[in-house]
């Protein structure tokens, strides 16, 4: 009986976790589609208002992709440790000011 109860509990837990994973996957899929839509709108604004071409976009994508030396469809990860622009010491990840010299070091908007 105890083994049967444990199996039922385990099955219920697995179903709950699977449902949470499906929900998270749906949320991420929605976010990806939303970002794709925003990217498309921004690209069309740039083409229309500034005359950029699809070839220029493709060249820039390739240049950015190759920053890590690999053409793999992924953006190069920024180094985990960022240096202070003033004194060169390692910054704490979530601090906007250097704890050594007090210099303001804004966060890079595309840092991952």
N, C-alpha and C. Protein backbone atom coordinates (compact mmCIF):
# COMPACT_ATOMS: atom_id res chain seq x y z
N UNK A 1 0.81 -1.19 0.00
CA UNK A 1 0.00 0.00 0.00
C UNK A 1 0.87 1.27 0.00
N UNK A 2 1.92 1.27 0.83
CA UNK A 2 2.80 2.43 0.92
C UNK A 2 3.52 2.66 -0.41
N UNK A 3 3.92 1.55 -1.04
CA UNK A 3 4.60 1.63 -2.33
C UNK A 3 3.65 2.19 -3.39
N UNK A 4 2.41 1.78 -3.33
CA UNK A 4 1.40 2.28 -4.26
C UNK A 4 1.16 3.78 -4.07
N UNK A 5 1.08 4.22 -2.82
CA UNK A 5 0.91 5.65 -2.52
C UNK A 5 2.11 6.47 -3.00
N UNK A 6 3.30 5.93 -2.82
CA UNK A 6 4.51 6.62 -3.28
C UNK A 6 4.51 6.75 -4.79
N UNK A 7 4.05 5.71 -5.47
CA UNK A 7 4.00 5.74 -6.94
C UNK A 7 2.99 6.78 -7.41
N UNK A 8 1.85 6.86 -6.75
CA UNK A 8 0.83 7.85 -7.11
C UNK A 8 1.36 9.26 -6.88
N UNK A 9 1.98 9.48 -5.75
CA UNK A 9 2.56 10.80 -5.43
C UNK A 9 3.63 11.17 -6.45
N UNK A 10 4.47 10.22 -6.77
CA UNK A 10 5.53 10.46 -7.75
C UNK A 10 4.93 10.81 -9.12
N UNK A 11 3.89 10.09 -9.50
CA UNK A 11 3.22 10.36 -10.77
C UNK A 11 2.58 11.74 -10.78
N UNK A 12 1.96 12.12 -9.67
CA UNK A 12 1.34 13.45 -9.58
C UNK A 12 2.40 14.55 -9.65
N UNK A 13 3.52 14.33 -8.99
CA UNK A 13 4.62 15.31 -9.04
C UNK A 13 5.16 15.45 -10.45
N UNK A 14 5.32 14.32 -11.14
CA UNK A 14 5.83 14.35 -12.52
C UNK A 14 4.85 15.09 -13.43
N UNK A 15 3.55 14.87 -13.24
CA UNK A 15 2.55 15.58 -14.05
C UNK A 15 2.58 17.08 -13.78
N UNK A 16 2.73 17.45 -12.52
CA UNK A 16 2.80 18.88 -12.16
C UNK A 16 4.02 19.54 -12.79
N UNK A 17 5.17 18.88 -12.70
CA UNK A 17 6.40 19.42 -13.27
C UNK A 17 6.28 19.52 -14.79
N UNK A 18 5.71 18.51 -15.42
CA UNK A 18 5.53 18.54 -16.88
C UNK A 18 4.63 19.70 -17.29
N UNK A 19 3.57 19.94 -16.52
CA UNK A 19 2.67 21.06 -16.82
C UNK A 19 3.40 22.39 -16.67
N UNK A 20 4.22 22.53 -15.63
CA UNK A 20 5.00 23.76 -15.42
C UNK A 20 5.97 23.98 -16.58
N UNK A 21 6.60 22.92 -17.04
CA UNK A 21 7.54 23.01 -18.16
C UNK A 21 6.81 23.42 -19.44
N UNK A 22 5.65 22.84 -19.69
CA UNK A 22 4.86 23.22 -20.87
C UNK A 22 4.46 24.69 -20.81
N UNK A 23 4.04 25.15 -19.64
CA UNK A 23 3.65 26.55 -19.47
C UNK A 23 4.84 27.47 -19.72
N UNK A 24 5.98 27.12 -19.16
CA UNK A 24 7.19 27.94 -19.36
C UNK A 24 7.60 27.95 -20.83
N UNK A 25 7.49 26.81 -21.49
CA UNK A 25 7.81 26.72 -22.91
C UNK A 25 6.89 27.62 -23.74
N UNK A 26 5.61 27.62 -23.41
CA UNK A 26 4.66 28.48 -24.11
C UNK A 26 5.00 29.96 -23.90
N UNK A 27 5.38 30.32 -22.66
CA UNK A 27 5.76 31.71 -22.37
C UNK A 27 7.00 32.10 -23.18
N UNK A 28 7.99 31.22 -23.22
CA UNK A 28 9.21 31.51 -23.97
C UNK A 28 8.93 31.61 -25.47
N UNK A 29 8.08 30.74 -25.97
CA UNK A 29 7.71 30.80 -27.39
C UNK A 29 7.03 32.12 -27.72
N UNK A 30 6.15 32.57 -26.83
CA UNK A 30 5.48 33.86 -27.02
C UNK A 30 6.51 34.99 -27.02
N UNK A 31 7.46 34.94 -26.08
CA UNK A 31 8.50 35.98 -26.01
C UNK A 31 9.35 36.00 -27.27
N UNK A 32 9.71 34.83 -27.79
CA UNK A 32 10.51 34.75 -29.02
C UNK A 32 9.74 35.36 -30.18
N UNK A 33 8.47 35.01 -30.31
CA UNK A 33 7.66 35.57 -31.39
C UNK A 33 7.53 37.09 -31.27
N UNK A 34 7.37 37.57 -30.05
CA UNK A 34 7.26 39.01 -29.81
C UNK A 34 8.57 39.71 -30.19
N UNK A 35 9.69 39.13 -29.81
CA UNK A 35 10.99 39.71 -30.17
C UNK A 35 11.21 39.69 -31.68
N UNK A 36 10.77 38.62 -32.33
CA UNK A 36 10.89 38.53 -33.78
C UNK A 36 10.07 39.63 -34.44
N UNK A 37 8.87 39.86 -33.95
CA UNK A 37 8.01 40.91 -34.48
C UNK A 37 8.64 42.28 -34.29
N UNK A 38 9.19 42.53 -33.11
CA UNK A 38 9.86 43.81 -32.84
C UNK A 38 11.06 43.98 -33.76
N UNK A 39 11.87 42.93 -33.91
CA UNK A 39 13.04 42.99 -34.79
C UNK A 39 12.63 43.30 -36.23
N UNK A 40 11.59 42.65 -36.69
CA UNK A 40 11.11 42.86 -38.05
C UNK A 40 10.65 44.31 -38.23
N UNK A 41 9.91 44.84 -37.25
CA UNK A 41 9.44 46.22 -37.35
C UNK A 41 10.61 47.20 -37.36
N UNK A 42 11.58 46.98 -36.49
CA UNK A 42 12.76 47.86 -36.46
C UNK A 42 13.53 47.81 -37.77
N UNK A 43 13.68 46.60 -38.33
CA UNK A 43 14.41 46.47 -39.59
C UNK A 43 13.67 47.19 -40.71
N UNK A 44 12.36 47.07 -40.75
CA UNK A 44 11.60 47.75 -41.80
C UNK A 44 11.66 49.27 -41.65
N UNK A 45 11.70 49.76 -40.43
CA UNK A 45 11.87 51.21 -40.21
C UNK A 45 13.23 51.65 -40.74
N UNK A 46 14.28 50.89 -40.44
CA UNK A 46 15.62 51.24 -40.90
C UNK A 46 15.71 51.20 -42.42
N UNK A 47 15.11 50.21 -43.03
CA UNK A 47 15.13 50.12 -44.50
C UNK A 47 14.37 51.30 -45.12
N UNK A 48 13.20 51.57 -44.59
CA UNK A 48 12.34 52.62 -45.16
C UNK A 48 12.92 54.02 -44.92
N UNK A 49 13.35 54.28 -43.70
CA UNK A 49 13.79 55.64 -43.34
C UNK A 49 15.25 55.93 -43.66
N UNK A 50 16.08 54.90 -43.76
CA UNK A 50 17.51 55.14 -43.93
C UNK A 50 18.12 54.44 -45.14
N UNK A 51 17.33 53.64 -45.83
CA UNK A 51 17.80 53.03 -47.07
C UNK A 51 18.73 51.85 -46.93
N UNK A 52 18.79 51.23 -45.75
CA UNK A 52 19.64 50.05 -45.60
C UNK A 52 19.07 48.90 -46.43
N UNK A 53 19.94 47.97 -46.80
CA UNK A 53 19.52 46.82 -47.62
C UNK A 53 19.61 45.53 -46.83
N UNK A 54 18.90 44.52 -47.33
CA UNK A 54 18.97 43.20 -46.70
C UNK A 54 20.40 42.66 -46.72
N UNK A 55 21.13 42.94 -47.79
CA UNK A 55 22.53 42.48 -47.86
C UNK A 55 23.36 43.10 -46.75
N UNK A 56 23.14 44.38 -46.46
CA UNK A 56 23.87 45.03 -45.37
C UNK A 56 23.54 44.38 -44.03
N UNK A 57 22.27 44.05 -43.84
CA UNK A 57 21.87 43.38 -42.59
C UNK A 57 22.54 42.01 -42.49
N UNK A 58 22.51 41.25 -43.57
CA UNK A 58 23.13 39.92 -43.55
C UNK A 58 24.62 40.02 -43.28
N UNK A 59 25.30 41.00 -43.87
CA UNK A 59 26.73 41.19 -43.61
C UNK A 59 26.99 41.52 -42.15
N UNK A 60 26.15 42.38 -41.56
CA UNK A 60 26.33 42.75 -40.15
C UNK A 60 26.08 41.55 -39.25
N UNK A 61 25.07 40.76 -39.56
CA UNK A 61 24.79 39.56 -38.76
C UNK A 61 25.99 38.61 -38.80
N UNK A 62 26.57 38.43 -39.98
CA UNK A 62 27.74 37.56 -40.12
C UNK A 62 28.92 38.13 -39.33
N UNK A 63 29.15 39.44 -39.43
CA UNK A 63 30.25 40.06 -38.68
C UNK A 63 30.08 39.86 -37.17
N UNK A 64 28.88 40.06 -36.69
CA UNK A 64 28.62 39.88 -35.25
C UNK A 64 28.78 38.41 -34.87
N UNK A 65 28.28 37.52 -35.69
CA UNK A 65 28.39 36.08 -35.42
C UNK A 65 29.85 35.65 -35.34
N UNK A 66 30.70 36.23 -36.17
CA UNK A 66 32.12 35.82 -36.23
C UNK A 66 32.99 36.46 -35.15
N UNK A 67 32.43 37.28 -34.30
CA UNK A 67 33.24 37.93 -33.26
C UNK A 67 33.92 36.93 -32.34
N UNK A 68 33.34 35.76 -32.19
CA UNK A 68 33.98 34.74 -31.35
C UNK A 68 34.78 33.74 -32.18
N UNK A 69 34.92 34.04 -33.47
CA UNK A 69 35.71 33.17 -34.34
C UNK A 69 34.95 32.01 -34.94
N UNK A 70 33.66 31.91 -34.67
CA UNK A 70 32.85 30.80 -35.18
C UNK A 70 31.59 31.33 -35.85
N UNK A 71 31.30 30.82 -37.02
CA UNK A 71 30.06 31.15 -37.72
C UNK A 71 29.05 30.06 -37.34
N UNK A 72 28.34 30.31 -36.23
CA UNK A 72 27.47 29.27 -35.68
C UNK A 72 26.05 29.75 -35.37
N UNK A 73 25.72 30.98 -35.79
CA UNK A 73 24.38 31.49 -35.53
C UNK A 73 24.15 31.91 -34.10
N UNK A 74 25.22 32.07 -33.33
CA UNK A 74 25.11 32.48 -31.92
C UNK A 74 25.96 33.71 -31.68
N UNK A 75 25.50 34.55 -30.79
CA UNK A 75 26.27 35.74 -30.45
C UNK A 75 27.33 35.36 -29.42
N UNK A 76 28.48 35.97 -29.53
CA UNK A 76 29.57 35.69 -28.61
C UNK A 76 29.18 36.15 -27.22
N UNK A 77 29.43 35.33 -26.23
CA UNK A 77 29.16 35.72 -24.86
C UNK A 77 30.19 36.72 -24.40
N UNK A 78 29.71 37.74 -23.67
CA UNK A 78 30.63 38.71 -23.08
C UNK A 78 31.37 38.02 -21.94
N UNK A 79 32.60 38.44 -21.69
CA UNK A 79 33.31 37.84 -20.56
C UNK A 79 32.52 38.10 -19.27
N UNK A 80 32.57 37.14 -18.36
CA UNK A 80 31.83 37.28 -17.11
C UNK A 80 32.30 38.47 -16.28
N UNK A 81 33.58 38.75 -16.35
CA UNK A 81 34.13 39.83 -15.54
C UNK A 81 34.35 41.07 -16.39
N UNK A 82 33.79 42.18 -15.94
CA UNK A 82 33.93 43.44 -16.63
C UNK A 82 34.94 44.29 -15.85
N UNK A 83 35.74 45.07 -16.57
CA UNK A 83 36.75 45.91 -15.93
C UNK A 83 36.27 47.35 -15.85
N UNK A 84 36.68 48.05 -14.80
CA UNK A 84 36.37 49.48 -14.63
C UNK A 84 37.11 50.26 -15.70
N UNK A 85 36.41 51.17 -16.34
CA UNK A 85 37.02 51.98 -17.39
C UNK A 85 38.06 52.96 -16.82
N UNK A 86 37.92 53.32 -15.55
CA UNK A 86 38.84 54.29 -14.92
C UNK A 86 40.10 53.63 -14.36
N UNK A 87 39.92 52.62 -13.50
CA UNK A 87 41.09 52.05 -12.80
C UNK A 87 41.47 50.66 -13.29
N UNK A 88 40.62 50.03 -14.09
CA UNK A 88 40.95 48.73 -14.65
C UNK A 88 40.70 47.54 -13.75
N UNK A 89 40.18 47.77 -12.55
CA UNK A 89 39.91 46.66 -11.64
C UNK A 89 38.59 45.98 -12.00
N UNK A 90 38.46 44.76 -11.54
CA UNK A 90 37.26 43.98 -11.83
C UNK A 90 36.06 44.56 -11.09
N UNK A 91 34.97 44.73 -11.86
CA UNK A 91 33.73 45.25 -11.29
C UNK A 91 32.88 44.13 -10.74
N UNK A 92 32.12 44.45 -9.72
CA UNK A 92 31.12 43.51 -9.24
C UNK A 92 30.00 43.50 -10.26
N UNK A 93 29.44 42.36 -10.53
CA UNK A 93 28.49 42.16 -11.62
C UNK A 93 27.30 43.12 -11.60
N UNK A 94 26.71 43.38 -10.46
CA UNK A 94 25.48 44.16 -10.40
C UNK A 94 25.68 45.58 -9.87
N UNK A 95 26.90 46.03 -9.76
CA UNK A 95 27.17 47.38 -9.26
C UNK A 95 27.42 48.33 -10.42
N UNK A 96 26.84 49.52 -10.34
CA UNK A 96 27.02 50.53 -11.38
C UNK A 96 28.24 51.41 -11.10
N UNK A 97 28.79 51.32 -9.89
CA UNK A 97 29.98 52.09 -9.57
C UNK A 97 31.09 51.14 -9.13
N UNK A 98 32.32 51.53 -9.49
CA UNK A 98 33.49 50.76 -9.08
C UNK A 98 33.68 50.91 -7.58
N UNK A 99 33.86 49.79 -6.87
CA UNK A 99 34.03 49.87 -5.42
C UNK A 99 35.43 50.34 -5.02
N UNK A 100 36.33 50.42 -6.00
CA UNK A 100 37.69 50.86 -5.71
C UNK A 100 37.87 52.35 -5.93
N UNK A 101 37.41 52.87 -7.08
CA UNK A 101 37.64 54.27 -7.40
C UNK A 101 36.35 55.11 -7.45
N UNK A 102 35.20 54.44 -7.41
CA UNK A 102 33.93 55.16 -7.42
C UNK A 102 33.43 55.57 -8.79
N UNK A 103 34.19 55.22 -9.84
CA UNK A 103 33.81 55.58 -11.21
C UNK A 103 32.48 54.93 -11.58
N UNK A 104 31.62 55.70 -12.25
CA UNK A 104 30.36 55.16 -12.74
C UNK A 104 30.63 54.33 -13.98
N UNK A 105 30.14 53.11 -13.98
CA UNK A 105 30.34 52.18 -15.10
C UNK A 105 28.98 51.66 -15.52
N UNK A 106 28.37 52.28 -16.52
CA UNK A 106 27.03 51.84 -16.93
C UNK A 106 27.04 50.41 -17.44
N UNK A 107 25.93 49.73 -17.22
CA UNK A 107 25.79 48.36 -17.72
C UNK A 107 25.63 48.38 -19.23
N UNK A 108 26.21 47.40 -19.88
CA UNK A 108 26.06 47.27 -21.33
C UNK A 108 24.68 46.68 -21.61
N UNK A 109 23.88 47.32 -22.45
CA UNK A 109 22.50 46.88 -22.63
C UNK A 109 22.35 45.49 -23.25
N UNK A 110 23.33 45.03 -24.00
CA UNK A 110 23.21 43.73 -24.65
C UNK A 110 24.07 42.66 -24.00
N UNK A 111 24.58 42.95 -22.82
CA UNK A 111 25.39 41.97 -22.10
C UNK A 111 24.51 40.82 -21.66
N UNK A 112 25.01 39.62 -21.81
CA UNK A 112 24.26 38.42 -21.43
C UNK A 112 24.84 37.82 -20.19
